[in-house]
């Protein structure tokens, strides 16, 4: 559905204004879809993001700073998110052997199993392929990259 219809407005200053509104609206739409899947596993989108980063690092650990650099939402408090994941036993924390002041974070076996289950039941392709071809998705991704410079 067109953004004009979704928000019931055609009052845009120009196409730059319209695309900014459309991107913000679409971000919220995707976040709501993802939230339905994350809620089943009692995790947030930011927690899911950290788990995915840690799985990519596995079996090596990551530092809080590495997690902050790679997170999608740069405004998130990675330390608090990690604390919550530790409480859920999805990650563990240990002292860094090279720098005693640094803390290593590693995904647990339960964290790996949880992501594996989520991978099996939830793929972005499932929601996006109904409206976008694989080629459309590639073009859109390239345009978003271009937008950010």
N, C-alpha and C. Protein backbone atom coordinates (compact mmCIF):
# COMPACT_ATOMS: atom_id res chain seq x y z
N UNK A 1 0.83 -1.18 0.00
CA UNK A 1 0.00 0.00 0.00
C UNK A 1 0.89 1.25 0.00
N UNK A 2 0.47 2.24 -0.70
CA UNK A 2 1.24 3.49 -0.82
C UNK A 2 1.25 4.25 0.51
N UNK A 3 2.33 4.95 0.77
CA UNK A 3 2.47 5.71 2.01
C UNK A 3 1.35 6.74 2.16
N UNK A 4 0.94 7.34 1.05
CA UNK A 4 -0.15 8.33 1.07
C UNK A 4 -1.41 7.72 1.70
N UNK A 5 -1.70 6.47 1.30
CA UNK A 5 -2.89 5.78 1.81
C UNK A 5 -2.69 5.33 3.26
N UNK A 6 -1.50 4.84 3.57
CA UNK A 6 -1.22 4.34 4.92
C UNK A 6 -1.40 5.42 5.97
N UNK A 7 -0.86 6.60 5.70
CA UNK A 7 -0.95 7.68 6.70
C UNK A 7 -2.07 8.67 6.38
N UNK A 8 -2.79 8.41 5.30
CA UNK A 8 -3.93 9.22 4.87
C UNK A 8 -3.55 10.69 4.73
N UNK A 9 -2.46 10.90 3.99
CA UNK A 9 -2.00 12.27 3.76
C UNK A 9 -1.22 12.33 2.45
N UNK A 10 -1.38 13.43 1.77
CA UNK A 10 -0.57 13.68 0.57
C UNK A 10 0.18 15.00 0.73
N UNK A 11 0.21 15.49 1.95
CA UNK A 11 0.79 16.79 2.25
C UNK A 11 2.29 16.67 2.51
N UNK A 12 3.06 16.41 1.48
CA UNK A 12 4.51 16.32 1.59
C UNK A 12 5.12 17.56 0.94
N UNK A 13 6.18 18.07 1.53
CA UNK A 13 6.86 19.24 0.97
C UNK A 13 7.45 18.93 -0.40
N UNK A 14 8.02 17.72 -0.52
CA UNK A 14 8.63 17.27 -1.77
C UNK A 14 8.87 15.77 -1.64
N UNK A 15 9.49 15.18 -2.65
CA UNK A 15 9.74 13.73 -2.61
C UNK A 15 10.77 13.34 -1.56
N UNK A 16 11.66 14.25 -1.18
CA UNK A 16 12.61 13.96 -0.11
C UNK A 16 11.88 13.81 1.22
N UNK A 17 10.93 14.69 1.45
CA UNK A 17 10.10 14.61 2.66
C UNK A 17 9.30 13.31 2.64
N UNK A 18 8.74 13.00 1.50
CA UNK A 18 7.91 11.79 1.37
C UNK A 18 8.74 10.53 1.63
N UNK A 19 9.95 10.47 1.08
CA UNK A 19 10.77 9.26 1.29
C UNK A 19 11.21 9.14 2.74
N UNK A 20 11.49 10.26 3.41
CA UNK A 20 11.87 10.22 4.82
C UNK A 20 10.71 9.66 5.66
N UNK A 21 9.50 10.13 5.40
CA UNK A 21 8.32 9.63 6.11
C UNK A 21 8.12 8.16 5.78
N UNK A 22 8.28 7.78 4.53
CA UNK A 22 8.08 6.40 4.11
C UNK A 22 9.08 5.46 4.79
N UNK A 23 10.34 5.88 4.87
CA UNK A 23 11.36 5.05 5.53
C UNK A 23 11.03 4.89 7.01
N UNK A 24 10.66 5.98 7.68
CA UNK A 24 10.31 5.91 9.11
C UNK A 24 9.10 5.00 9.32
N UNK A 25 8.09 5.14 8.47
CA UNK A 25 6.89 4.32 8.59
C UNK A 25 7.21 2.84 8.37
N UNK A 26 8.01 2.57 7.34
CA UNK A 26 8.37 1.20 7.00
C UNK A 26 9.23 0.58 8.10
N UNK A 27 10.08 1.37 8.71
CA UNK A 27 10.88 0.88 9.84
C UNK A 27 9.97 0.43 10.98
N UNK A 28 8.99 1.23 11.30
CA UNK A 28 8.04 0.86 12.34
C UNK A 28 7.25 -0.39 11.98
N UNK A 29 6.86 -0.50 10.73
CA UNK A 29 6.12 -1.66 10.23
C UNK A 29 6.95 -2.93 10.39
N UNK A 30 8.22 -2.88 9.98
CA UNK A 30 9.10 -4.03 10.12
C UNK A 30 9.36 -4.36 11.59
N UNK A 31 9.58 -3.33 12.41
CA UNK A 31 9.82 -3.56 13.84
C UNK A 31 8.64 -4.26 14.50
N UNK A 32 7.43 -3.88 14.14
CA UNK A 32 6.24 -4.54 14.68
C UNK A 32 6.17 -6.00 14.27
N UNK A 33 6.53 -6.28 13.03
CA UNK A 33 6.55 -7.67 12.55
C UNK A 33 7.59 -8.48 13.31
N UNK A 34 8.79 -7.93 13.44
CA UNK A 34 9.86 -8.63 14.16
C UNK A 34 9.48 -8.86 15.62
N UNK A 35 8.85 -7.87 16.23
CA UNK A 35 8.51 -7.95 17.64
C UNK A 35 7.61 -9.15 17.92
N UNK A 36 6.71 -9.45 17.03
CA UNK A 36 5.84 -10.62 17.21
C UNK A 36 6.67 -11.90 17.37
N UNK A 37 7.73 -12.01 16.59
CA UNK A 37 8.58 -13.20 16.66
C UNK A 37 9.50 -13.17 17.86
N UNK A 38 10.01 -12.01 18.20
CA UNK A 38 10.90 -11.90 19.35
C UNK A 38 10.15 -12.16 20.65
N UNK A 39 8.91 -11.71 20.73
CA UNK A 39 8.12 -11.89 21.95
C UNK A 39 7.95 -13.38 22.29
N UNK A 40 7.88 -14.23 21.29
CA UNK A 40 7.74 -15.68 21.54
C UNK A 40 8.93 -16.22 22.33
N UNK A 41 10.06 -15.58 22.17
CA UNK A 41 11.29 -16.04 22.82
C UNK A 41 11.70 -15.12 23.98
N UNK A 42 10.82 -14.20 24.32
CA UNK A 42 11.04 -13.27 25.43
C UNK A 42 12.35 -12.49 25.26
N UNK A 43 12.61 -12.03 24.04
CA UNK A 43 13.77 -11.19 23.79
C UNK A 43 13.34 -9.95 23.00
N UNK A 44 14.15 -8.91 23.09
CA UNK A 44 13.88 -7.69 22.35
C UNK A 44 14.69 -7.70 21.05
N UNK A 45 14.40 -6.74 20.19
CA UNK A 45 15.13 -6.63 18.94
C UNK A 45 16.61 -6.35 19.21
N UNK A 46 16.91 -5.55 20.21
CA UNK A 46 18.31 -5.25 20.53
C UNK A 46 19.01 -6.49 21.08
N UNK A 47 18.32 -7.29 21.89
CA UNK A 47 18.90 -8.53 22.40
C UNK A 47 19.16 -9.50 21.25
N UNK A 48 18.22 -9.58 20.32
CA UNK A 48 18.39 -10.44 19.14
C UNK A 48 19.61 -9.99 18.34
N UNK A 49 19.77 -8.69 18.18
CA UNK A 49 20.91 -8.14 17.45
C UNK A 49 22.23 -8.56 18.12
N UNK A 50 22.31 -8.45 19.43
CA UNK A 50 23.53 -8.84 20.14
C UNK A 50 23.77 -10.34 20.01
N UNK A 51 22.73 -11.14 20.13
CA UNK A 51 22.89 -12.59 19.96
C UNK A 51 23.43 -12.93 18.58
N UNK A 52 22.92 -12.25 17.55
CA UNK A 52 23.40 -12.50 16.19
C UNK A 52 24.86 -12.10 16.03
N UNK A 53 25.26 -10.99 16.62
CA UNK A 53 26.66 -10.56 16.56
C UNK A 53 27.54 -11.60 17.24
N UNK A 54 27.10 -12.07 18.42
CA UNK A 54 27.90 -13.05 19.16
C UNK A 54 27.97 -14.39 18.43
N UNK A 55 26.89 -14.76 17.77
CA UNK A 55 26.93 -16.00 16.99
C UNK A 55 27.92 -15.86 15.84
N UNK A 56 27.98 -14.69 15.24
CA UNK A 56 28.95 -14.45 14.17
C UNK A 56 30.39 -14.51 14.66
N UNK A 57 30.61 -14.18 15.91
CA UNK A 57 31.94 -14.22 16.53
C UNK A 57 32.31 -15.63 17.01
N UNK A 58 31.30 -16.45 17.26
CA UNK A 58 31.48 -17.75 17.89
C UNK A 58 32.48 -18.61 17.12
N UNK A 59 33.40 -19.28 17.81
CA UNK A 59 33.51 -19.51 19.25
C UNK A 59 34.29 -18.42 19.98
N UNK A 60 34.73 -17.40 19.26
CA UNK A 60 35.46 -16.31 19.90
C UNK A 60 34.50 -15.40 20.65
N UNK A 61 34.95 -14.80 21.73
CA UNK A 61 34.10 -13.85 22.47
C UNK A 61 34.14 -12.47 21.82
N UNK A 62 33.34 -11.58 22.35
CA UNK A 62 33.31 -10.19 21.91
C UNK A 62 33.38 -9.30 23.15
N UNK A 63 33.88 -8.11 22.96
CA UNK A 63 33.86 -7.13 24.04
C UNK A 63 32.60 -6.27 23.90
N UNK A 64 32.28 -5.55 24.94
CA UNK A 64 31.14 -4.63 24.88
C UNK A 64 31.36 -3.60 23.78
N UNK A 65 32.59 -3.11 23.64
CA UNK A 65 32.87 -2.11 22.60
C UNK A 65 32.63 -2.67 21.21
N UNK A 66 33.01 -3.91 20.96
CA UNK A 66 32.76 -4.52 19.66
C UNK A 66 31.26 -4.61 19.42
N UNK A 67 30.51 -5.00 20.44
CA UNK A 67 29.05 -5.10 20.30
C UNK A 67 28.45 -3.73 19.97
N UNK A 68 28.90 -2.69 20.67
CA UNK A 68 28.40 -1.33 20.41
C UNK A 68 28.66 -0.91 18.97
N UNK A 69 29.86 -1.22 18.47
CA UNK A 69 30.23 -0.84 17.10
C UNK A 69 29.34 -1.49 16.07
N UNK A 70 28.95 -2.73 16.31
CA UNK A 70 28.22 -3.51 15.32
C UNK A 70 26.71 -3.47 15.46
N UNK A 71 26.21 -2.93 16.56
CA UNK A 71 24.76 -2.92 16.77
C UNK A 71 24.05 -2.04 15.76
N UNK A 72 22.86 -2.44 15.40
CA UNK A 72 22.04 -1.67 14.47
C UNK A 72 21.57 -0.39 15.14
N UNK A 73 21.09 -0.50 16.37
CA UNK A 73 20.61 0.66 17.12
C UNK A 73 21.75 1.18 17.98
N UNK A 74 22.42 2.20 17.50
CA UNK A 74 23.60 2.75 18.17
C UNK A 74 23.26 3.42 19.50
N UNK A 75 22.00 3.71 19.75
CA UNK A 75 21.59 4.37 20.99
C UNK A 75 21.33 3.37 22.11
N UNK A 76 21.40 2.08 21.82
CA UNK A 76 21.15 1.06 22.83
C UNK A 76 22.28 0.99 23.84
N UNK A 77 21.96 0.61 25.06
CA UNK A 77 22.94 0.42 26.11
C UNK A 77 23.37 -1.05 26.09
N UNK A 78 24.45 -1.34 25.41
CA UNK A 78 24.90 -2.72 25.21
C UNK A 78 25.15 -3.43 26.54
N UNK A 79 25.69 -2.72 27.52
CA UNK A 79 25.99 -3.36 28.82
C UNK A 79 24.72 -3.87 29.49
N UNK A 80 23.68 -3.06 29.49
CA UNK A 80 22.41 -3.48 30.11
C UNK A 80 21.77 -4.63 29.32
N UNK A 81 21.86 -4.56 28.02
CA UNK A 81 21.29 -5.62 27.19
C UNK A 81 22.01 -6.94 27.48
N UNK A 82 23.33 -6.88 27.58
CA UNK A 82 24.11 -8.08 27.90
C UNK A 82 23.72 -8.61 29.28
N UNK A 83 23.54 -7.71 30.26
CA UNK A 83 23.12 -8.14 31.60
C UNK A 83 21.82 -8.93 31.54
N UNK A 84 20.88 -8.46 30.74
CA UNK A 84 19.59 -9.16 30.62
C UNK A 84 19.76 -10.51 29.94
N UNK A 85 20.64 -10.56 28.94
CA UNK A 85 20.90 -11.84 28.26
C UNK A 85 21.60 -12.83 29.19
N UNK A 86 22.44 -12.34 30.07
CA UNK A 86 23.09 -13.21 31.07
C UNK A 86 22.04 -13.78 32.01
N UNK A 87 21.10 -12.94 32.46
CA UNK A 87 20.01 -13.41 33.33
C UNK A 87 19.20 -14.52 32.66
N UNK A 88 19.05 -14.42 31.35
CA UNK A 88 18.29 -15.42 30.60
C UNK A 88 19.15 -16.62 30.20
N UNK A 89 20.44 -16.57 30.58
CA UNK A 89 21.42 -17.63 30.31
C UNK A 89 21.66 -17.82 28.81
N UNK A 90 21.49 -16.75 28.02
CA UNK A 90 21.73 -16.81 26.59
C UNK A 90 23.16 -16.41 26.24
N UNK A 91 23.84 -15.72 27.16
CA UNK A 91 25.25 -15.35 26.99
C UNK A 91 25.96 -15.50 28.34
N UNK A 92 27.29 -15.51 28.28
CA UNK A 92 28.08 -15.53 29.52
C UNK A 92 29.13 -14.44 29.45
N UNK A 93 29.60 -14.05 30.62
CA UNK A 93 30.62 -13.02 30.74
C UNK A 93 31.83 -13.62 31.44
N UNK A 94 33.02 -13.29 30.93
CA UNK A 94 34.24 -13.74 31.59
C UNK A 94 35.32 -12.69 31.41
N UNK A 95 36.36 -12.77 32.23
CA UNK A 95 37.45 -11.80 32.17
C UNK A 95 38.31 -12.06 30.95
N UNK A 96 38.71 -10.99 30.29
CA UNK A 96 39.58 -11.07 29.13
C UNK A 96 40.98 -11.44 29.59
N UNK A 97 41.59 -12.47 28.99
CA UNK A 97 42.91 -12.94 29.40
C UNK A 97 44.01 -11.92 29.10
N UNK A 98 43.85 -11.12 28.06
CA UNK A 98 44.88 -10.17 27.65
C UNK A 98 44.77 -8.84 28.40
N UNK A 99 43.54 -8.44 28.71
CA UNK A 99 43.32 -7.16 29.38
C UNK A 99 42.33 -7.39 30.51
N UNK A 100 42.81 -7.45 31.72
CA UNK A 100 41.98 -7.76 32.89
C UNK A 100 40.84 -6.76 33.10
N UNK A 101 40.98 -5.55 32.55
CA UNK A 101 39.92 -4.54 32.69
C UNK A 101 38.79 -4.80 31.71
N UNK A 102 39.08 -5.52 30.64
CA UNK A 102 38.06 -5.81 29.63
C UNK A 102 37.27 -7.07 30.01
N UNK A 103 36.06 -7.13 29.54
CA UNK A 103 35.20 -8.28 29.80
C UNK A 103 34.82 -8.90 28.46
N UNK A 104 34.93 -10.21 28.39
CA UNK A 104 34.54 -10.94 27.19
C UNK A 104 33.10 -11.44 27.33
N UNK A 105 32.37 -11.35 26.25
CA UNK A 105 31.00 -11.84 26.20
C UNK A 105 30.95 -12.95 25.16
N UNK A 106 30.35 -14.08 25.53
CA UNK A 106 30.27 -15.21 24.61
C UNK A 106 28.84 -15.75 24.62
N UNK A 107 28.34 -16.11 23.46
CA UNK A 107 27.01 -16.70 23.36
C UNK A 107 27.05 -18.10 23.98
N UNK A 108 26.00 -18.45 24.71
CA UNK A 108 25.93 -19.77 25.35
C UNK A 108 25.32 -20.79 24.39
N UNK A 109 25.36 -22.03 24.80
CA UNK A 109 24.73 -23.09 24.00
C UNK A 109 23.23 -22.82 23.88
N UNK A 110 22.62 -22.36 24.98
CA UNK A 110 21.19 -22.03 24.94
C UNK A 110 20.93 -20.88 23.97
N UNK A 111 21.82 -19.90 23.94
CA UNK A 111 21.70 -18.79 23.00
C UNK A 111 21.78 -19.28 21.56
N UNK A 112 22.72 -20.18 21.29
CA UNK A 112 22.85 -20.74 19.94
C UNK A 112 21.60 -21.53 19.55
N UNK A 113 21.08 -22.31 20.49
CA UNK A 113 19.87 -23.10 20.22
C UNK A 113 18.67 -22.20 19.96
N UNK A 114 18.55 -21.14 20.75
CA UNK A 114 17.44 -20.20 20.58
C UNK A 114 17.48 -19.56 19.19
N UNK A 115 18.66 -19.09 18.78
CA UNK A 115 18.78 -18.48 17.45
C UNK A 115 18.48 -19.50 16.35
N UNK A 116 18.92 -20.72 16.54
CA UNK A 116 18.66 -21.77 15.55
C UNK A 116 17.15 -21.99 15.38
N UNK A 117 16.42 -22.05 16.49
CA UNK A 117 14.96 -22.20 16.43
C UNK A 117 14.32 -21.01 15.72
N UNK A 118 14.80 -19.81 16.06
CA UNK A 118 14.26 -18.60 15.44
C UNK A 118 14.54 -18.59 13.94
N UNK A 119 15.73 -19.02 13.55
CA UNK A 119 16.08 -19.09 12.13
C UNK A 119 15.13 -20.00 11.37
N UNK A 120 14.74 -21.10 12.01
CA UNK A 120 13.87 -22.07 11.35
C UNK A 120 12.45 -21.54 11.13
N UNK A 121 11.97 -20.73 12.05
CA UNK A 121 10.58 -20.31 11.95
C UNK A 121 10.37 -18.89 11.43
N UNK A 122 11.43 -18.13 11.30
CA UNK A 122 11.27 -16.72 10.96
C UNK A 122 12.38 -16.26 10.04
N UNK A 123 12.01 -15.86 8.85
CA UNK A 123 12.95 -15.32 7.88
C UNK A 123 12.36 -14.04 7.29
N UNK A 124 13.14 -12.96 7.22
CA UNK A 124 12.62 -11.73 6.62
C UNK A 124 12.04 -11.97 5.22
N UNK A 125 12.60 -12.93 4.49
CA UNK A 125 12.11 -13.25 3.16
C UNK A 125 10.62 -13.60 3.19
N UNK A 126 10.18 -14.23 4.30
CA UNK A 126 8.78 -14.65 4.40
C UNK A 126 7.81 -13.47 4.29
N UNK A 127 8.17 -12.34 4.84
CA UNK A 127 7.28 -11.18 4.77
C UNK A 127 7.56 -10.31 3.54
N UNK A 128 8.84 -10.23 3.15
CA UNK A 128 9.20 -9.30 2.06
C UNK A 128 8.95 -9.86 0.67
N UNK A 129 9.07 -11.17 0.50
CA UNK A 129 8.96 -11.75 -0.84
C UNK A 129 7.56 -11.67 -1.42
N UNK A 130 6.57 -11.38 -0.58
CA UNK A 130 5.21 -11.21 -1.09
C UNK A 130 5.04 -9.95 -1.92
N UNK A 131 5.90 -8.95 -1.66
CA UNK A 131 5.78 -7.67 -2.35
C UNK A 131 7.02 -7.28 -3.15
N UNK A 132 8.16 -7.93 -2.87
CA UNK A 132 9.41 -7.60 -3.56
C UNK A 132 10.02 -8.85 -4.17
N UNK A 133 10.51 -8.72 -5.39
CA UNK A 133 11.30 -9.81 -5.96
C UNK A 133 12.70 -9.75 -5.34
N UNK A 134 13.48 -10.79 -5.58
CA UNK A 134 14.87 -10.79 -5.11
C UNK A 134 15.63 -9.61 -5.70
N UNK A 135 15.35 -9.30 -6.97
CA UNK A 135 16.01 -8.18 -7.63
C UNK A 135 15.56 -6.85 -7.03
N UNK A 136 14.25 -6.72 -6.74
CA UNK A 136 13.74 -5.51 -6.09
C UNK A 136 14.45 -5.29 -4.75
N UNK A 137 14.60 -6.37 -3.99
CA UNK A 137 15.25 -6.27 -2.68
C UNK A 137 16.70 -5.80 -2.82
N UNK A 138 17.40 -6.30 -3.83
CA UNK A 138 18.79 -5.88 -4.06
C UNK A 138 18.86 -4.40 -4.42
N UNK A 139 17.95 -3.95 -5.30
CA UNK A 139 17.93 -2.54 -5.71
C UNK A 139 17.60 -1.65 -4.51
N UNK A 140 16.60 -2.05 -3.72
CA UNK A 140 16.22 -1.27 -2.55
C UNK A 140 17.37 -1.18 -1.55
N UNK A 141 18.04 -2.29 -1.32
CA UNK A 141 19.19 -2.29 -0.41
C UNK A 141 20.29 -1.37 -0.92
N UNK A 142 20.56 -1.42 -2.21
CA UNK A 142 21.57 -0.52 -2.80
C UNK A 142 21.17 0.95 -2.65
N UNK A 143 19.88 1.24 -2.86
CA UNK A 143 19.41 2.62 -2.71
C UNK A 143 19.54 3.11 -1.27
N UNK A 144 19.24 2.23 -0.31
CA UNK A 144 19.38 2.61 1.10
C UNK A 144 20.85 2.85 1.45
N UNK A 145 21.73 2.01 0.91
CA UNK A 145 23.17 2.24 1.10
C UNK A 145 23.56 3.60 0.53
N UNK A 146 23.07 3.90 -0.67
CA UNK A 146 23.37 5.18 -1.32
C UNK A 146 22.84 6.35 -0.49
N UNK A 147 21.66 6.19 0.08
CA UNK A 147 21.06 7.24 0.90
C UNK A 147 21.97 7.60 2.08
N UNK A 148 22.53 6.58 2.71
CA UNK A 148 23.40 6.83 3.87
C UNK A 148 24.79 7.30 3.46
N UNK A 149 25.07 7.28 2.17
CA UNK A 149 26.35 7.78 1.67
C UNK A 149 27.41 6.76 1.80
